Amino acid sequence: MTAGLDWGADPELSPFEIVMWRVDVDRRLRSTMMAVEVLDDLPDWDRLVEAHRWAARMAPRLRDRIVAPLWGAGTPHWEPDPDFELNYHLRRIRLPEPGTWRVLFETAEQIAMTPLDPQRPLWEAVLVEGLEGGRAAFLIKLHHAIGDGLGVTQLLSGLHSRTREHTEDKPWPPEPALTRPRTAGEALARQVREDVTATVSALGSGARAAGHGLGDVLRAPRASVRSALDWVSSARRVLSPPEAPPSPLLAERNGSWRFRALDVELADLRAAAKAVGGSLNDAYLAALLGAFRRYHEEMGHPVDPGTTMPVSVPVSVRRADDAAGGNHFAPGRLAGPVGIMGAAERVAAVSSAMRQVRAEPALESADVLSPLLARLPGAVVSELVGDMTRSNDLQASNVPGLREDVFLAGARIERIYPFAPLPGCAAMITLLTHGTTCCVGANLDAAAVRDPDLFARCLADGFDEVLALAPDARRPVVRE
């Protein structure tokens, strides 16, 4: 068998991915994300190297770099790196004794904040030896243009082993063939094709979102006009900041990242949500808002009961027929009810707000604008996108992860802590389910959240408030 994974095979970046790529000109908007895998033992280095050599065959995107368009005009695309060198992307380090969680996350912060080389494939991996308790860690750093949380989970599911022992009969696809450089005529033809495709796609997205095609307009013009106006009104709401003023306490930004992490029992959080008729995601967001309320109180800036804060939540729009990998989400924005004291009332308020977000006809309106933004200079794109993301105090994501035991070169992966990009907001907090645990990774702007240790304790207390809705729920564990 020589077939590889059906993942990340499209050589073209979507307009949304081009936007994420181009905003990297502003270091505060860089779209680097990191997964910190905690291993129960030190993996065998030679097996680990060989596993990555195999992975680069199974998922050719790991050998691809982004190539700038001809003469710098137009859109970039993926292309195999003719000088791919595994030794550049994979390395190992050792933590100083006693190898605490704090030192691990400080190390991960430094690696995550270091820019990826835009001339190479957009990923790096670091084996970290010497974690306390005889453990090790594996840091996977990659650019968001490669895929969203679900897309990366698909990749890890396809590459991680289900057994601690070495697998002898793995498929070894052939090394991807290098493409010859395009001639000027071929590059121009590609760009024209991409421009036409993007234009048609944008118009089609708008028409589908409005719910009417040409035939519908001819049969029922008045209804079509009303629907189109409703869509425009919805798009204005979707693309505008939520009706919640940013917190003065969190107003400063410097683009330096601070990582904090904690564990929450998945069954307990589900039970708490079910107890008040909410979803896991509702309970999760309610816990985060409780943490922000507590942090404001501890910092001497208590919030009033009716206070809301601007929150952005990526909503998956991935469909069954979408190719694996890539990015398939729409940014949902809401006024988070941070001032509500009662956990049950806060879960209910979040649930109501999220229903409104998902019901917006123009939820995917960013698909209409992305083709235009993708063709603007990076400095212009970063300014426009930055204006939208900097207005958020919190961005929060909930990603279904791997539920079965997985292994890396002989070591079992106990936890995977996700640290998503921090695109100008005060905090980006991600929940990734791994086995029976919700692994929560908080990426905090060091200027906005001046006391990250206090915030981590408030985060645990915010989850405690919500978990108290379920009987016998266990307290979250802060990794420090």
Protein backbone atom coordinates (compact mmCIF):
# COMPACT_ATOMS: atom_id res chain seq x y z
CA MET A 1 0.00 0.00 0.00
CA THR A 2 1.44 3.40 -0.97
CA ALA A 3 -1.51 5.76 -0.58
CA GLY A 4 -1.02 8.81 1.62
CA LEU A 5 -3.53 10.78 3.63
CA ASP A 6 -6.25 12.61 1.75
CA TRP A 7 -5.39 15.81 3.61
CA GLY A 8 -4.29 19.24 2.45
CA ALA A 9 -4.02 18.28 -1.21
CA ASP A 10 -5.25 21.52 -2.83
CA PRO A 11 -2.31 23.59 -4.18
CA GLU A 12 -4.33 26.80 -3.88
CA LEU A 13 -4.85 28.71 -0.65
CA SER A 14 -8.39 29.85 -0.01
CA PRO A 15 -8.87 33.65 0.12
CA PHE A 16 -9.34 33.38 3.89
CA GLU A 17 -6.02 31.51 4.22
CA ILE A 18 -4.27 34.14 2.10
CA VAL A 19 -5.57 36.82 4.45
CA MET A 20 -4.17 34.92 7.46
CA TRP A 21 -0.86 34.56 5.63
CA ARG A 22 -0.59 38.24 4.68
CA VAL A 23 -1.40 39.70 8.09
CA ASP A 24 1.88 38.19 9.34
CA VAL A 25 3.55 41.46 8.34
CA ASP A 26 2.25 42.71 11.71
CA ARG A 27 3.88 40.63 14.47
CA ARG A 28 0.86 41.22 16.72
CA LEU A 29 -1.39 39.46 14.22
CA ARG A 30 0.78 36.44 13.41
CA SER A 31 -1.24 33.29 12.85
CA THR A 32 1.15 30.82 14.48
CA MET A 33 -0.45 28.12 16.62
CA MET A 34 1.06 25.47 18.86
CA ALA A 35 0.06 22.15 20.38
CA VAL A 36 1.91 21.02 23.51
CA GLU A 37 1.69 17.24 23.73
CA VAL A 38 2.59 15.80 27.12
CA LEU A 39 4.12 12.31 26.90
CA ASP A 40 4.26 9.66 29.62
CA ASP A 41 7.84 8.77 28.73
CA LEU A 42 10.73 9.90 26.55
CA PRO A 43 10.15 8.69 22.98
CA ASP A 44 12.90 7.00 21.03
CA TRP A 45 14.64 9.75 19.04
CA ASP A 46 15.52 7.62 16.01
CA ARG A 47 11.93 6.36 15.80
CA LEU A 48 10.68 9.95 16.13
CA VAL A 49 12.87 11.14 13.25
CA GLU A 50 11.74 8.24 11.08
CA ALA A 51 8.11 8.91 12.01
CA HIS A 52 8.44 12.48 10.74
CA ARG A 53 10.14 11.34 7.58
CA TRP A 54 7.13 9.06 7.07
CA ALA A 55 4.67 11.85 7.98
CA ALA A 56 6.16 14.12 5.32
CA ARG A 57 5.38 11.40 2.77
CA MET A 58 1.87 10.71 4.09
CA ALA A 59 0.90 14.40 4.20
CA PRO A 60 2.77 16.20 1.40
CA ARG A 61 1.54 19.57 2.75
CA LEU A 62 4.28 19.15 5.37
CA ARG A 63 6.80 19.52 2.53
CA ASP A 64 5.02 22.46 0.87
CA ARG A 65 5.96 26.10 1.15
CA ILE A 66 3.95 29.13 0.11
CA VAL A 67 5.23 30.65 -3.12
CA ALA A 68 4.72 34.33 -3.88
CA PRO A 69 2.89 35.21 -7.12
CA LEU A 70 4.66 36.33 -10.26
CA TRP A 71 6.15 39.84 -9.86
CA GLY A 72 4.55 40.04 -6.43
CA ALA A 73 1.09 40.65 -7.89
CA GLY A 74 -1.80 38.27 -7.36
CA THR A 75 -2.27 35.39 -4.95
CA PRO A 76 0.27 32.93 -3.48
CA HIS A 77 -0.03 29.14 -3.71
CA TRP A 78 1.41 25.95 -2.22
CA GLU A 79 4.34 24.25 -3.91
CA PRO A 80 6.78 21.50 -2.80
CA ASP A 81 9.96 22.90 -1.25
CA PRO A 82 12.83 21.76 -3.48
CA ASP A 83 15.22 22.09 -0.51
CA PHE A 84 13.08 20.40 2.14
CA GLU A 85 15.31 19.50 5.09
CA LEU A 86 13.80 17.55 7.98
CA ASN A 87 16.64 18.50 10.32
CA TYR A 88 15.52 22.13 10.11
CA HIS A 89 11.96 21.35 11.16
CA LEU A 90 12.61 18.74 13.88
CA ARG A 91 14.92 19.18 16.87
CA ARG A 92 15.21 18.39 20.57
CA ILE A 93 16.07 20.31 23.72
CA ARG A 94 16.21 19.59 27.46
CA LEU A 95 14.59 21.57 30.24
CA PRO A 96 16.75 22.66 33.16
CA GLU A 97 16.13 20.81 36.43
CA PRO A 98 13.60 20.28 37.92
CA GLY A 99 11.70 20.54 34.61
CA THR A 100 8.54 22.21 35.89
CA TRP A 101 5.36 22.91 33.94
CA ARG A 102 6.14 26.63 34.24
CA VAL A 103 9.49 26.24 32.50
CA LEU A 104 7.88 24.05 29.83
CA PHE A 105 5.27 26.69 28.99
CA GLU A 106 7.88 29.49 29.05
CA THR A 107 9.90 27.48 26.55
CA ALA A 108 6.80 26.91 24.42
CA GLU A 109 6.02 30.66 24.48
CA GLN A 110 9.46 31.56 23.17
CA ILE A 111 9.31 28.99 20.39
CA ALA A 112 5.76 29.97 19.42
CA MET A 113 6.60 33.69 19.22
CA THR A 114 9.60 33.09 16.94
CA PRO A 115 8.44 33.68 13.34
CA LEU A 116 8.30 30.75 10.96
CA ASP A 117 10.59 30.98 7.95
CA PRO A 118 8.28 32.02 5.08
CA GLN A 119 10.63 30.37 2.56
CA ARG A 120 10.14 26.92 4.10
CA PRO A 121 7.20 24.64 4.97
CA LEU A 122 5.25 26.31 7.74
CA TRP A 123 5.82 23.98 10.68
CA GLU A 124 8.38 23.06 13.31
CA ALA A 125 8.44 20.37 16.02
CA VAL A 126 10.54 20.18 19.18
CA LEU A 127 11.00 17.23 21.53
CA VAL A 128 11.40 18.58 25.07
CA GLU A 129 13.17 16.23 27.46
CA GLY A 130 13.32 16.49 31.24
CA LEU A 131 9.71 17.32 32.18
CA GLU A 132 9.08 16.52 35.84
CA GLY A 133 7.72 13.09 36.72
CA GLY A 134 9.83 11.33 34.07
CA ARG A 135 7.72 12.80 31.28
CA ALA A 136 8.60 14.54 28.05
CA ALA A 137 6.73 17.02 25.84
CA PHE A 138 6.41 17.48 22.12
CA LEU A 139 5.77 20.95 20.73
CA ILE A 140 4.10 21.20 17.32
CA LYS A 141 4.19 24.69 15.83
CA LEU A 142 2.47 25.51 12.55
CA HIS A 143 0.81 28.31 10.65
CA HIS A 144 -2.97 28.69 10.65
CA ALA A 145 -2.91 28.78 6.83
CA ILE A 146 -2.26 25.02 6.94
CA GLY A 147 -5.55 24.30 8.69
CA ASP A 148 -7.96 25.15 11.49
CA GLY A 149 -8.32 23.24 14.76
CA LEU A 150 -10.45 20.50 13.24
CA GLY A 151 -8.16 20.25 10.23
CA VAL A 152 -5.09 19.81 12.43
CA THR A 153 -6.93 17.22 14.54
CA GLN A 154 -7.64 15.31 11.32
CA LEU A 155 -3.92 15.39 10.54
CA LEU A 156 -2.85 14.21 13.99
CA SER A 157 -5.47 11.46 13.94
CA GLY A 158 -4.01 10.19 10.68
CA LEU A 159 -0.37 10.38 11.79
CA HIS A 160 -0.36 9.34 15.46
CA SER A 161 -0.01 5.65 16.22
CA ARG A 162 -2.59 3.58 18.10
CA THR A 163 0.05 1.35 19.63
CA ARG A 164 3.21 1.86 21.67
CA GLU A 165 5.08 -0.70 19.57
CA HIS A 166 6.70 0.11 16.24
CA THR A 167 4.45 -0.51 13.23
CA GLU A 168 6.34 -2.51 10.62
CA ASP A 169 3.93 -2.40 7.69
CA LYS A 170 3.15 1.31 7.39
CA PRO A 171 2.47 2.61 3.87
CA TRP A 172 5.32 4.62 2.34
CA PRO A 173 4.03 6.85 -0.44
CA PRO A 174 6.65 7.99 -2.94
CA GLU A 175 8.40 11.27 -2.37
CA PRO A 176 6.34 14.04 -4.02
CA ALA A 177 7.68 15.13 -7.38
CA LEU A 178 9.04 18.64 -7.61
CA THR A 179 7.21 21.00 -9.92
CA ARG A 180 9.19 22.92 -12.49
CA PRO A 181 9.01 26.71 -12.23
CA ARG A 182 6.09 28.23 -14.11
CA THR A 183 6.77 30.31 -17.13
CA ALA A 184 5.51 33.89 -17.11
CA GLY A 185 2.62 32.86 -19.38
CA GLU A 186 1.65 29.95 -17.15
CA ALA A 187 1.80 32.11 -14.04
CA LEU A 188 -0.39 34.74 -15.66
CA ALA A 189 -2.89 32.10 -16.82
CA ARG A 190 -3.05 30.67 -13.29
CA GLN A 191 -3.69 34.11 -11.81
CA VAL A 192 -6.46 34.88 -14.28
CA ARG A 193 -8.04 31.51 -13.50
CA GLU A 194 -7.82 32.15 -9.75
CA ASP A 195 -9.28 35.65 -10.10
CA VAL A 196 -12.23 34.36 -12.09
CA THR A 197 -12.78 31.50 -9.64
CA ALA A 198 -12.63 33.84 -6.67
CA THR A 199 -15.08 36.27 -8.24
CA VAL A 200 -17.55 33.53 -9.10
CA SER A 201 -17.12 32.01 -5.63
CA ALA A 202 -17.75 35.34 -3.90
CA LEU A 203 -20.87 36.01 -5.96
CA GLY A 204 -22.06 32.46 -5.41
CA SER A 205 -21.48 32.73 -1.66
CA GLY A 206 -23.50 35.91 -1.53
CA ALA A 207 -26.32 34.41 -3.59
CA ARG A 208 -26.42 31.21 -1.54
CA ALA A 209 -26.32 33.18 1.68
CA ALA A 210 -29.21 35.34 0.53
CA GLY A 211 -31.06 32.14 -0.34
CA HIS A 212 -31.96 33.02 -3.93
CA GLY A 213 -30.64 32.29 -7.38
CA LEU A 214 -31.56 33.97 -10.64
CA GLY A 215 -34.62 31.76 -11.09
CA ASP A 216 -35.90 32.69 -7.63
CA VAL A 217 -35.46 36.39 -8.42
CA LEU A 218 -37.52 36.07 -11.62
CA ARG A 219 -40.26 34.07 -9.92
CA ALA A 220 -40.51 36.13 -6.73
CA PRO A 221 -38.69 39.45 -7.10
CA ARG A 222 -40.14 41.09 -3.98
CA ALA A 223 -39.31 38.17 -1.71
CA SER A 224 -35.82 38.01 -3.21
CA VAL A 225 -35.21 41.70 -2.59
CA ARG A 226 -36.42 41.38 1.01
CA SER A 227 -34.18 38.36 1.53
CA ALA A 228 -31.20 40.20 0.05
CA LEU A 229 -31.83 43.19 2.32
CA ASP A 230 -32.10 40.87 5.32
CA TRP A 231 -28.75 39.33 4.34
CA VAL A 232 -27.10 42.74 4.05
CA SER A 233 -28.47 43.71 7.45
CA SER A 234 -27.16 40.44 8.88
CA ALA A 235 -23.75 40.97 7.29
CA ARG A 236 -23.55 44.38 8.93
CA ARG A 237 -24.14 42.76 12.32
CA VAL A 238 -21.72 39.89 11.66
CA LEU A 239 -18.87 42.14 10.50
CA SER A 240 -19.38 44.88 13.10
CA PRO A 241 -17.98 44.69 16.63
CA PRO A 242 -20.50 43.34 19.16
CA GLU A 243 -22.43 45.92 21.12
CA ALA A 244 -20.15 45.61 24.13
CA PRO A 245 -17.39 48.09 25.07
CA PRO A 246 -13.92 46.63 25.52
CA SER A 247 -12.67 46.48 29.10
CA PRO A 248 -10.29 49.33 30.09
CA LEU A 249 -8.40 46.83 32.27
CA LEU A 250 -7.51 44.78 29.17
CA ALA A 251 -6.93 47.68 26.77
CA GLU A 252 -3.14 47.48 26.44
CA ARG A 253 -1.57 45.11 23.90
CA ASN A 254 2.09 44.32 23.20
CA GLY A 255 1.89 41.06 21.25
CA SER A 256 3.93 39.06 23.79
CA TRP A 257 2.38 35.69 24.61
CA ARG A 258 1.95 34.03 27.99
CA PHE A 259 0.71 30.43 28.16
CA ARG A 260 -1.36 28.93 30.97
CA ALA A 261 -3.15 25.56 30.95
CA LEU A 262 -5.56 23.50 33.00
CA ASP A 263 -7.44 20.19 32.90
CA VAL A 264 -11.21 19.84 33.25
CA GLU A 265 -13.00 16.50 33.33
CA LEU A 266 -15.08 16.19 30.16
CA ALA A 267 -17.87 14.21 31.82
CA ASP A 268 -18.22 16.80 34.59
CA LEU A 269 -18.44 19.75 32.21
CA ARG A 270 -21.02 17.90 30.10
CA ALA A 271 -23.06 17.05 33.18
CA ALA A 272 -22.99 20.69 34.32
CA ALA A 273 -24.19 21.86 30.92
CA LYS A 274 -26.93 19.24 30.77
CA ALA A 275 -28.15 20.17 34.26
CA VAL A 276 -29.25 23.60 32.99
CA GLY A 277 -30.20 22.67 29.42
CA GLY A 278 -27.03 24.01 27.79
CA SER A 279 -24.37 22.56 25.52
CA LEU A 280 -20.77 21.78 26.38
CA ASN A 281 -19.75 24.91 24.48
CA ASP A 282 -22.26 27.04 26.42
CA ALA A 283 -20.83 25.80 29.72
CA TYR A 284 -17.29 26.39 28.48
CA LEU A 285 -17.94 30.00 27.45
CA ALA A 286 -19.83 30.66 30.68
CA ALA A 287 -16.81 29.41 32.66
CA LEU A 288 -14.48 31.74 30.73
CA LEU A 289 -16.74 34.73 31.36
CA GLY A 290 -16.84 33.84 35.05
CA ALA A 291 -13.05 33.82 35.04
CA PHE A 292 -12.90 37.30 33.51
CA ARG A 293 -15.40 38.61 36.07
CA ARG A 294 -13.29 37.22 38.91
CA TYR A 295 -10.07 38.58 37.39
CA HIS A 296 -11.56 42.08 37.16
CA GLU A 297 -12.61 41.86 40.81
CA GLU A 298 -9.16 40.68 41.92
CA MET A 299 -7.50 43.49 39.96
CA GLY A 300 -9.72 46.12 41.60
CA HIS A 301 -11.99 46.68 38.57
CA PRO A 302 -15.27 44.95 39.47
CA VAL A 303 -17.88 44.71 36.72
CA ASP A 304 -21.54 45.63 37.10
CA PRO A 305 -24.19 42.88 36.85
CA GLY A 306 -25.31 43.96 33.38
CA THR A 307 -21.82 44.31 31.92
CA THR A 308 -20.95 42.56 28.67
CA MET A 309 -17.60 42.14 26.91
CA PRO A 310 -16.72 41.67 23.23
CA VAL A 311 -16.17 38.00 22.42
CA SER A 312 -15.36 36.23 19.16
CA VAL A 313 -16.07 32.53 18.68
CA PRO A 314 -15.09 30.60 15.54
CA VAL A 315 -18.09 28.62 14.30
CA SER A 316 -17.27 25.55 12.23
CA VAL A 317 -18.85 25.57 8.78
CA ARG A 318 -17.04 22.40 7.71
CA ARG A 319 -19.34 20.21 5.63
CA ALA A 320 -19.25 16.47 5.06
CA ASP A 321 -18.03 16.87 1.47
CA ASP A 322 -15.26 19.36 2.34
CA ALA A 323 -11.74 18.11 1.77
CA ALA A 324 -9.78 17.22 4.91
CA GLY A 325 -7.51 19.93 6.26
CA GLY A 326 -7.74 23.58 5.39
CA ASN A 327 -9.80 26.20 7.17
CA HIS A 328 -13.58 25.97 7.36
CA PHE A 329 -14.89 28.32 10.02
CA ALA A 330 -16.73 31.61 10.31
CA PRO A 331 -16.04 34.22 13.00
CA GLY A 332 -19.04 34.63 15.27
CA ARG A 333 -19.15 37.70 17.51
CA LEU A 334 -21.23 38.29 20.61
CA ALA A 335 -21.58 40.47 23.69
CA GLY A 336 -20.48 38.05 26.43
CA PRO A 337 -22.54 38.38 29.65
CA VAL A 338 -19.54 38.74 31.94
CA GLY A 339 -21.51 40.52 34.68
CA ILE A 340 -23.95 37.67 35.43
CA MET A 341 -23.05 36.15 38.80
CA GLY A 342 -25.12 32.96 38.74
CA ALA A 343 -23.58 30.14 36.70
CA ALA A 344 -26.92 28.75 35.53
CA GLU A 345 -28.14 32.17 34.38
CA ARG A 346 -24.83 32.81 32.64
CA VAL A 347 -24.97 29.49 30.77
CA ALA A 348 -28.53 30.32 29.65
CA ALA A 349 -27.49 33.79 28.47
CA VAL A 350 -24.54 32.37 26.53
CA SER A 351 -26.77 29.72 24.97
CA SER A 352 -29.22 32.37 23.78
CA ALA A 353 -26.44 34.56 22.37
CA MET A 354 -24.84 31.64 20.51
CA ARG A 355 -28.17 30.65 18.95
CA GLN A 356 -28.44 34.16 17.55
CA VAL A 357 -24.88 33.98 16.20
CA ARG A 358 -25.47 30.67 14.42
CA ALA A 359 -28.83 31.84 13.05
CA GLU A 360 -27.36 34.87 11.25
CA PRO A 361 -28.05 34.49 7.49
CA ALA A 362 -24.70 36.17 6.78
CA LEU A 363 -22.61 34.14 9.24
CA GLU A 364 -20.26 33.24 6.38
CA SER A 365 -20.17 36.76 4.94
CA ALA A 366 -16.39 36.83 5.44
CA ASP A 367 -16.24 34.46 2.44
CA VAL A 368 -17.59 37.28 0.29
CA LEU A 369 -14.99 39.80 1.50
CA SER A 370 -11.97 37.49 1.71
CA PRO A 371 -11.31 37.33 -2.08
CA LEU A 372 -11.05 41.13 -2.12
CA LEU A 373 -8.88 41.30 1.00
CA ALA A 374 -6.64 38.55 -0.37
CA ARG A 375 -5.64 40.81 -3.25
CA LEU A 376 -4.65 43.80 -1.13
CA PRO A 377 -1.11 44.48 0.14
CA GLY A 378 -0.24 42.84 3.43
CA ALA A 379 0.05 46.13 5.30
CA VAL A 380 -3.46 47.13 4.22
CA VAL A 381 -4.90 43.70 5.07
CA SER A 382 -3.31 43.71 8.53
CA GLU A 383 -4.70 47.16 9.24
CA LEU A 384 -8.24 46.17 8.23
CA VAL A 385 -8.20 42.79 9.96
CA GLY A 386 -6.44 44.21 13.01
CA ASP A 387 -9.21 46.75 13.50
CA MET A 388 -11.67 43.85 13.78
CA THR A 389 -9.67 41.51 16.01
CA ARG A 390 -8.18 44.10 18.37
CA SER A 391 -11.68 45.05 19.48
CA ASN A 392 -12.15 41.58 21.03
CA ASP A 393 -11.30 41.08 24.68
CA LEU A 394 -11.69 37.32 24.29
CA GLN A 395 -11.53 34.84 21.44
CA ALA A 396 -12.57 31.34 22.45
CA SER A 397 -12.50 28.09 20.52
CA ASN A 398 -13.77 24.59 21.28
CA VAL A 399 -12.19 21.80 19.23
CA PRO A 400 -13.20 18.11 19.35
CA GLY A 401 -9.96 16.18 19.72
CA LEU A 402 -8.79 12.57 19.82
CA ARG A 403 -10.79 10.31 22.15
CA GLU A 404 -8.66 7.16 21.87
CA ASP A 405 -5.16 6.44 23.17
CA VAL A 406 -2.46 7.61 20.74
CA PHE A 407 1.30 7.22 20.85
CA LEU A 408 4.40 8.94 19.54
CA ALA A 409 7.51 6.81 18.94
CA GLY A 410 6.76 4.56 21.91
CA ALA A 411 5.39 7.22 24.31
CA ARG A 412 1.70 7.66 25.13
CA ILE A 413 0.27 11.13 24.63
CA GLU A 414 -1.39 12.01 27.95
CA ARG A 415 -2.53 15.54 27.15
CA ILE A 416 -2.58 17.95 24.21
CA TYR A 417 -2.76 21.62 25.23
CA PRO A 418 -3.77 23.93 22.36
CA PHE A 419 -2.46 27.48 22.06
CA ALA A 420 -4.14 29.25 19.16
CA PRO A 421 -2.96 32.55 17.64
CA LEU A 422 -3.53 35.79 19.53
CA PRO A 423 -4.56 38.19 16.73
CA GLY A 424 -4.50 41.44 18.67
CA CYS A 425 -7.08 40.43 21.30
CA ALA A 426 -6.43 40.23 25.05
CA ALA A 427 -6.84 36.46 25.34
CA MET A 428 -7.28 33.49 23.03
CA ILE A 429 -8.47 30.47 24.99
CA THR A 430 -8.97 27.04 23.39
CA LEU A 431 -10.54 23.85 24.71
CA LEU A 432 -9.39 20.61 23.09
CA THR A 433 -10.90 17.32 24.23
CA HIS A 434 -8.31 14.57 24.61
CA GLY A 435 -9.57 11.23 25.86
CA THR A 436 -11.72 12.01 28.91
CA THR A 437 -10.12 15.41 29.58
CA CYS A 438 -10.80 18.92 28.39
CA CYS A 439 -7.34 20.40 27.85
CA VAL A 440 -7.67 24.18 28.12
CA GLY A 441 -4.88 26.36 26.75
CA ALA A 442 -4.93 30.11 27.41
CA ASN A 443 -2.78 32.37 25.23
CA LEU A 444 -2.68 35.73 27.02
CA ASP A 445 -1.33 39.07 25.83
CA ALA A 446 1.25 40.06 28.47
CA ALA A 447 0.23 43.73 28.46
CA ALA A 448 -3.52 43.06 28.61
CA VAL A 449 -3.41 40.33 31.27
CA ARG A 450 -0.67 41.65 33.53
CA ASP A 451 -0.94 38.87 36.13
CA PRO A 452 -1.25 35.58 34.20
CA ASP A 453 -0.86 33.47 37.36
CA LEU A 454 -3.82 35.23 38.95
CA PHE A 455 -5.77 34.80 35.72
CA ALA A 456 -5.03 31.05 35.72
CA ARG A 457 -6.46 30.78 39.25
CA CYS A 458 -9.50 32.82 38.19
CA LEU A 459 -9.89 30.50 35.21
CA ALA A 460 -10.01 27.48 37.51
CA ASP A 461 -12.53 29.28 39.75
CA GLY A 462 -14.65 30.21 36.71
CA PHE A 463 -14.86 26.54 35.74
CA ASP A 464 -15.58 25.65 39.37
CA GLU A 465 -18.63 27.94 39.31
CA VAL A 466 -20.05 26.09 36.32
CA LEU A 467 -18.99 22.61 37.45
CA ALA A 468 -20.87 23.17 40.71
CA LEU A 469 -24.06 22.71 38.65
CA ALA A 470 -23.22 18.99 38.47
CA PRO A 471 -23.01 16.70 41.52
CA ASP A 472 -19.57 15.52 42.65
CA ALA A 473 -17.72 17.40 39.90
CA ARG A 474 -13.96 17.46 40.30
CA ARG A 475 -11.98 20.70 40.58
CA PRO A 476 -9.93 21.75 37.53
CA VAL A 477 -6.18 21.15 37.71
CA VAL A 478 -3.97 24.13 36.87
CA ARG A 479 -0.68 23.11 35.29
CA GLU A 480 1.94 25.20 37.10
